[in-house]
């Protein structure tokens, strides 16, 4: 499904001629901003048991994935071409085993005081944490599925708060 900008709003990363551009945020005020994102990886019950029992050959899956998510949030501007580098105040990555999936759920909350939001940093943290789980468990289950990854909420900035219904 293709989503279009809300009526009367233009895409901020496209100039008048349609070329991609980095948004100029210099006129914006520095404000406290937060974003929370989530995602999941589904795997076999046997793979989940190995993660739960910390018996994966590559090591402690949840700890490594947590650190990978934090590191990814800090480097988002290096991965996503039009993102601004931001001074992050906090990055929290939480991983929970979910027997019902079966698999692992990841949630990331990112905060800063800056001129632009941290939605991309939260989404990047979740995505890389999930990819790290896949990398560490792939020898046991190559059929794992990642997704959906989504923004849950954001606060701060001129756009105000937003929350997934």
C-alpha atoms as a PDB file:
ATOM      1  CA  UNK A   1       0.000   0.000   0.000  1.00  0.00           C
ATOM      2  CA  UNK A   2       1.407   3.391  -0.998  1.00  0.00           C
ATOM      3  CA  UNK A   3       0.989   6.138   1.584  1.00  0.00           C
ATOM      4  CA  UNK A   4       0.920   9.755   0.528  1.00  0.00           C
ATOM      5  CA  UNK A   5       1.670  12.812   2.599  1.00  0.00           C
ATOM      6  CA  UNK A   6      -1.291  14.258   4.480  1.00  0.00           C
ATOM      7  CA  UNK A   7      -3.322  16.743   2.423  1.00  0.00           C
ATOM      8  CA  UNK A   8      -1.365  19.951   1.956  1.00  0.00           C
ATOM      9  CA  UNK A   9       1.940  18.480   3.187  1.00  0.00           C
ATOM     10  CA  UNK A  10       4.993  17.868   1.055  1.00  0.00           C
ATOM     11  CA  UNK A  11       7.667  15.239   1.526  1.00  0.00           C
ATOM     12  CA  UNK A  12      10.416  16.953   3.519  1.00  0.00           C
ATOM     13  CA  UNK A  13      13.333  15.072   1.932  1.00  0.00           C
ATOM     14  CA  UNK A  14      12.448  16.113  -1.629  1.00  0.00           C
ATOM     15  CA  UNK A  15      13.154  19.548  -3.099  1.00  0.00           C
ATOM     16  CA  UNK A  16      10.922  21.435  -5.557  1.00  0.00           C
ATOM     17  CA  UNK A  17      12.488  19.631  -8.529  1.00  0.00           C
ATOM     18  CA  UNK A  18      11.976  16.189  -6.956  1.00  0.00           C
ATOM     19  CA  UNK A  19      15.619  15.618  -5.979  1.00  0.00           C
ATOM     20  CA  UNK A  20      16.456  14.036  -2.636  1.00  0.00           C
ATOM     21  CA  UNK A  21      17.900  16.418  -0.056  1.00  0.00           C
ATOM     22  CA  UNK A  22      18.806  16.623   3.594  1.00  0.00           C
ATOM     23  CA  UNK A  23      16.309  18.775   5.481  1.00  0.00           C
ATOM     24  CA  UNK A  24      17.666  22.054   6.880  1.00  0.00           C
ATOM     25  CA  UNK A  25      16.779  21.987  10.592  1.00  0.00           C
ATOM     26  CA  UNK A  26      18.852  25.017  11.590  1.00  0.00           C
ATOM     27  CA  UNK A  27      15.779  27.190  12.261  1.00  0.00           C
ATOM     28  CA  UNK A  28      14.154  24.597  14.533  1.00  0.00           C
ATOM     29  CA  UNK A  29      14.427  24.839  18.298  1.00  0.00           C
ATOM     30  CA  UNK A  30      16.278  22.170  20.235  1.00  0.00           C
ATOM     31  CA  UNK A  31      13.660  20.259  22.198  1.00  0.00           C
ATOM     32  CA  UNK A  32      13.474  16.981  24.084  1.00  0.00           C
ATOM     33  CA  UNK A  33      12.452  14.218  21.679  1.00  0.00           C
ATOM     34  CA  UNK A  34      11.803  10.532  22.159  1.00  0.00           C
ATOM     35  CA  UNK A  35      10.751   7.634  19.972  1.00  0.00           C
ATOM     36  CA  UNK A  36       9.816   4.035  20.673  1.00  0.00           C
ATOM     37  CA  UNK A  37       9.838   1.258  18.072  1.00  0.00           C
ATOM     38  CA  UNK A  38       9.268  -2.497  18.132  1.00  0.00           C
ATOM     39  CA  UNK A  39       9.684  -5.617  16.057  1.00  0.00           C
ATOM     40  CA  UNK A  40       9.911  -9.388  16.322  1.00  0.00           C
ATOM     41  CA  UNK A  41      11.717 -12.404  14.942  1.00  0.00           C
ATOM     42  CA  UNK A  42       9.935 -15.724  14.652  1.00  0.00           C
ATOM     43  CA  UNK A  43      11.924 -18.945  14.937  1.00  0.00           C
ATOM     44  CA  UNK A  44      11.463 -22.623  15.602  1.00  0.00           C
ATOM     45  CA  UNK A  45      10.707 -23.772  19.115  1.00  0.00           C
ATOM     46  CA  UNK A  46      14.038 -25.609  19.167  1.00  0.00           C
ATOM     47  CA  UNK A  47      15.935 -22.431  18.268  1.00  0.00           C
ATOM     48  CA  UNK A  48      14.062 -20.453  20.910  1.00  0.00           C
ATOM     49  CA  UNK A  49      14.944 -23.081  23.517  1.00  0.00           C
ATOM     50  CA  UNK A  50      18.643 -22.670  22.688  1.00  0.00           C
ATOM     51  CA  UNK A  51      18.349 -18.880  23.059  1.00  0.00           C
ATOM     52  CA  UNK A  52      16.428 -19.233  26.344  1.00  0.00           C
ATOM     53  CA  UNK A  53      18.993 -21.684  27.750  1.00  0.00           C
ATOM     54  CA  UNK A  54      21.937 -19.596  26.474  1.00  0.00           C
ATOM     55  CA  UNK A  55      23.227 -22.575  24.478  1.00  0.00           C
ATOM     56  CA  UNK A  56      23.762 -20.895  21.094  1.00  0.00           C
ATOM     57  CA  UNK A  57      27.311 -21.573  19.871  1.00  0.00           C
ATOM     58  CA  UNK A  58      28.023 -17.876  19.154  1.00  0.00           C
ATOM     59  CA  UNK A  59      27.218 -16.826  22.733  1.00  0.00           C
ATOM     60  CA  UNK A  60      24.609 -14.856  24.669  1.00  0.00           C
ATOM     61  CA  UNK A  61      22.174 -13.887  21.916  1.00  0.00           C
ATOM     62  CA  UNK A  62      20.106 -11.373  23.876  1.00  0.00           C
ATOM     63  CA  UNK A  63      23.088  -9.480  25.323  1.00  0.00           C
ATOM     64  CA  UNK A  64      24.869  -9.245  21.980  1.00  0.00           C
ATOM     65  CA  UNK A  65      21.665  -8.148  20.197  1.00  0.00           C
ATOM     66  CA  UNK A  66      21.024  -5.475  22.859  1.00  0.00           C
ATOM     67  CA  UNK A  67      24.514  -4.004  22.375  1.00  0.00           C
ATOM     68  CA  UNK A  68      24.162  -4.203  18.578  1.00  0.00           C
ATOM     69  CA  UNK A  69      20.876  -2.270  18.763  1.00  0.00           C
ATOM     70  CA  UNK A  70      22.412   0.432  20.935  1.00  0.00           C
ATOM     71  CA  UNK A  71      25.427   0.758  18.640  1.00  0.00           C
ATOM     72  CA  UNK A  72      23.173   0.910  15.570  1.00  0.00           C
ATOM     73  CA  UNK A  73      21.059   3.731  17.020  1.00  0.00           C
ATOM     74  CA  UNK A  74      24.241   5.742  17.591  1.00  0.00           C
ATOM     75  CA  UNK A  75      25.310   5.235  13.949  1.00  0.00           C
ATOM     76  CA  UNK A  76      21.978   5.706  12.170  1.00  0.00           C
ATOM     77  CA  UNK A  77      23.180   8.737  10.209  1.00  0.00           C
ATOM     78  CA  UNK A  78      25.951   6.568   8.725  1.00  0.00           C
ATOM     79  CA  UNK A  79      23.406   3.988   7.550  1.00  0.00           C
ATOM     80  CA  UNK A  80      20.473   6.114   6.389  1.00  0.00           C
ATOM     81  CA  UNK A  81      21.787   8.724   3.928  1.00  0.00           C
ATOM     82  CA  UNK A  82      19.568  11.729   4.762  1.00  0.00           C
ATOM     83  CA  UNK A  83      19.504  11.371   8.562  1.00  0.00           C
ATOM     84  CA  UNK A  84      21.153  13.983  10.724  1.00  0.00           C
ATOM     85  CA  UNK A  85      23.808  12.836  13.202  1.00  0.00           C
ATOM     86  CA  UNK A  86      22.278  13.319  16.645  1.00  0.00           C
ATOM     87  CA  UNK A  87      23.651  13.485  20.191  1.00  0.00           C
ATOM     88  CA  UNK A  88      21.631  10.699  21.799  1.00  0.00           C
ATOM     89  CA  UNK A  89      20.842  11.074  25.485  1.00  0.00           C
ATOM     90  CA  UNK A  90      19.569   7.534  25.970  1.00  0.00           C
ATOM     91  CA  UNK A  91      19.109   4.311  24.037  1.00  0.00           C
ATOM     92  CA  UNK A  92      17.292   1.433  25.728  1.00  0.00           C
ATOM     93  CA  UNK A  93      16.902  -1.845  23.854  1.00  0.00           C
ATOM     94  CA  UNK A  94      14.737  -4.498  25.500  1.00  0.00           C
ATOM     95  CA  UNK A  95      14.527  -8.078  24.218  1.00  0.00           C
ATOM     96  CA  UNK A  96      11.883 -10.494  25.447  1.00  0.00           C
ATOM     97  CA  UNK A  97      11.437 -14.159  24.638  1.00  0.00           C
ATOM     98  CA  UNK A  98       7.915 -14.900  23.412  1.00  0.00           C
ATOM     99  CA  UNK A  99       6.869 -18.542  23.454  1.00  0.00           C
ATOM    100  CA  UNK A 100       3.669 -17.684  21.557  1.00  0.00           C
ATOM    101  CA  UNK A 101       5.550 -16.518  18.436  1.00  0.00           C
ATOM    102  CA  UNK A 102       7.824 -18.462  19.091  1.00  0.00           C
ATOM    103  CA  UNK A 103      10.653 -15.985  18.977  1.00  0.00           C
ATOM    104  CA  UNK A 104      12.036 -12.748  20.347  1.00  0.00           C
ATOM    105  CA  UNK A 105      10.361  -9.347  20.605  1.00  0.00           C
ATOM    106  CA  UNK A 106      12.529  -6.228  20.573  1.00  0.00           C
ATOM    107  CA  UNK A 107      11.588  -2.740  21.726  1.00  0.00           C
ATOM    108  CA  UNK A 108      13.851   0.310  21.584  1.00  0.00           C
ATOM    109  CA  UNK A 109      13.370   3.723  23.163  1.00  0.00           C
ATOM    110  CA  UNK A 110      15.656   6.558  22.097  1.00  0.00           C
ATOM    111  CA  UNK A 111      15.901  10.084  23.515  1.00  0.00           C
ATOM    112  CA  UNK A 112      17.728  13.272  22.605  1.00  0.00           C
ATOM    113  CA  UNK A 113      17.530  17.018  22.889  1.00  0.00           C
ATOM    114  CA  UNK A 114      17.948  18.184  19.310  1.00  0.00           C
ATOM    115  CA  UNK A 115      16.368  19.931  16.308  1.00  0.00           C
ATOM    116  CA  UNK A 116      15.011  16.717  14.770  1.00  0.00           C
ATOM    117  CA  UNK A 117      13.438  13.515  16.005  1.00  0.00           C
ATOM    118  CA  UNK A 118      14.838  10.088  16.803  1.00  0.00           C
ATOM    119  CA  UNK A 119      12.322   7.852  15.040  1.00  0.00           C
ATOM    120  CA  UNK A 120      14.951   6.525  12.630  1.00  0.00           C
ATOM    121  CA  UNK A 121      17.327   5.771  15.492  1.00  0.00           C
ATOM    122  CA  UNK A 122      14.669   3.739  17.324  1.00  0.00           C
ATOM    123  CA  UNK A 123      13.720   1.846  14.149  1.00  0.00           C
ATOM    124  CA  UNK A 124      17.388   1.198  13.337  1.00  0.00           C
ATOM    125  CA  UNK A 125      18.066  -0.094  16.858  1.00  0.00           C
ATOM    126  CA  UNK A 126      15.201  -2.592  16.569  1.00  0.00           C
ATOM    127  CA  UNK A 127      16.163  -3.677  13.053  1.00  0.00           C
ATOM    128  CA  UNK A 128      19.826  -4.305  13.862  1.00  0.00           C
ATOM    129  CA  UNK A 129      18.998  -6.085  17.125  1.00  0.00           C
ATOM    130  CA  UNK A 130      16.703  -8.416  15.163  1.00  0.00           C
ATOM    131  CA  UNK A 131      19.338  -8.968  12.455  1.00  0.00           C
ATOM    132  CA  UNK A 132      21.844  -9.825  15.180  1.00  0.00           C
ATOM    133  CA  UNK A 133      19.504 -12.430  16.632  1.00  0.00           C
ATOM    134  CA  UNK A 134      19.163 -13.890  13.130  1.00  0.00           C
ATOM    135  CA  UNK A 135      22.933 -13.939  12.622  1.00  0.00           C
ATOM    136  CA  UNK A 136      23.579 -15.666  15.927  1.00  0.00           C
ATOM    137  CA  UNK A 137      20.842 -18.302  15.519  1.00  0.00           C
ATOM    138  CA  UNK A 138      20.944 -18.942  11.748  1.00  0.00           C
ATOM    139  CA  UNK A 139      23.022 -22.110  12.117  1.00  0.00           C
ATOM    140  CA  UNK A 140      20.042 -23.669  13.902  1.00  0.00           C
ATOM    141  CA  UNK A 141      17.153 -22.082  11.962  1.00  0.00           C
ATOM    142  CA  UNK A 142      17.645 -20.371   8.593  1.00  0.00           C
ATOM    143  CA  UNK A 143      13.863 -20.038   8.190  1.00  0.00           C
ATOM    144  CA  UNK A 144      13.479 -17.309  10.820  1.00  0.00           C
ATOM    145  CA  UNK A 145      11.230 -14.378   9.889  1.00  0.00           C
ATOM    146  CA  UNK A 146      11.777 -10.774  10.923  1.00  0.00           C
ATOM    147  CA  UNK A 147       8.905  -8.306  11.137  1.00  0.00           C
ATOM    148  CA  UNK A 148       6.960  -6.278  11.277  1.00  0.00           C
ATOM    149  CA  UNK A 149       9.191  -3.459  12.535  1.00  0.00           C
ATOM    150  CA  UNK A 150       7.234  -0.336  13.423  1.00  0.00           C
ATOM    151  CA  UNK A 151       7.256   2.994  15.188  1.00  0.00           C
ATOM    152  CA  UNK A 152       5.071   2.812  18.306  1.00  0.00           C
ATOM    153  CA  UNK A 153       5.229   6.424  19.434  1.00  0.00           C
ATOM    154  CA  UNK A 154       7.188   9.625  19.246  1.00  0.00           C
ATOM    155  CA  UNK A 155       7.166  12.825  21.273  1.00  0.00           C
ATOM    156  CA  UNK A 156       8.686  16.282  20.921  1.00  0.00           C
ATOM    157  CA  UNK A 157       9.151  18.659  18.073  1.00  0.00           C
ATOM    158  CA  UNK A 158       6.713  20.836  16.147  1.00  0.00           C
ATOM    159  CA  UNK A 159       4.667  17.818  15.066  1.00  0.00           C
ATOM    160  CA  UNK A 160       3.887  17.012  18.674  1.00  0.00           C
ATOM    161  CA  UNK A 161       3.232  13.541  20.024  1.00  0.00           C
ATOM    162  CA  UNK A 162       2.198  10.617  17.831  1.00  0.00           C
ATOM    163  CA  UNK A 163       1.139   7.153  18.915  1.00  0.00           C
ATOM    164  CA  UNK A 164       0.178   4.034  16.975  1.00  0.00           C
ATOM    165  CA  UNK A 165      -3.518   3.378  17.516  1.00  0.00           C
END
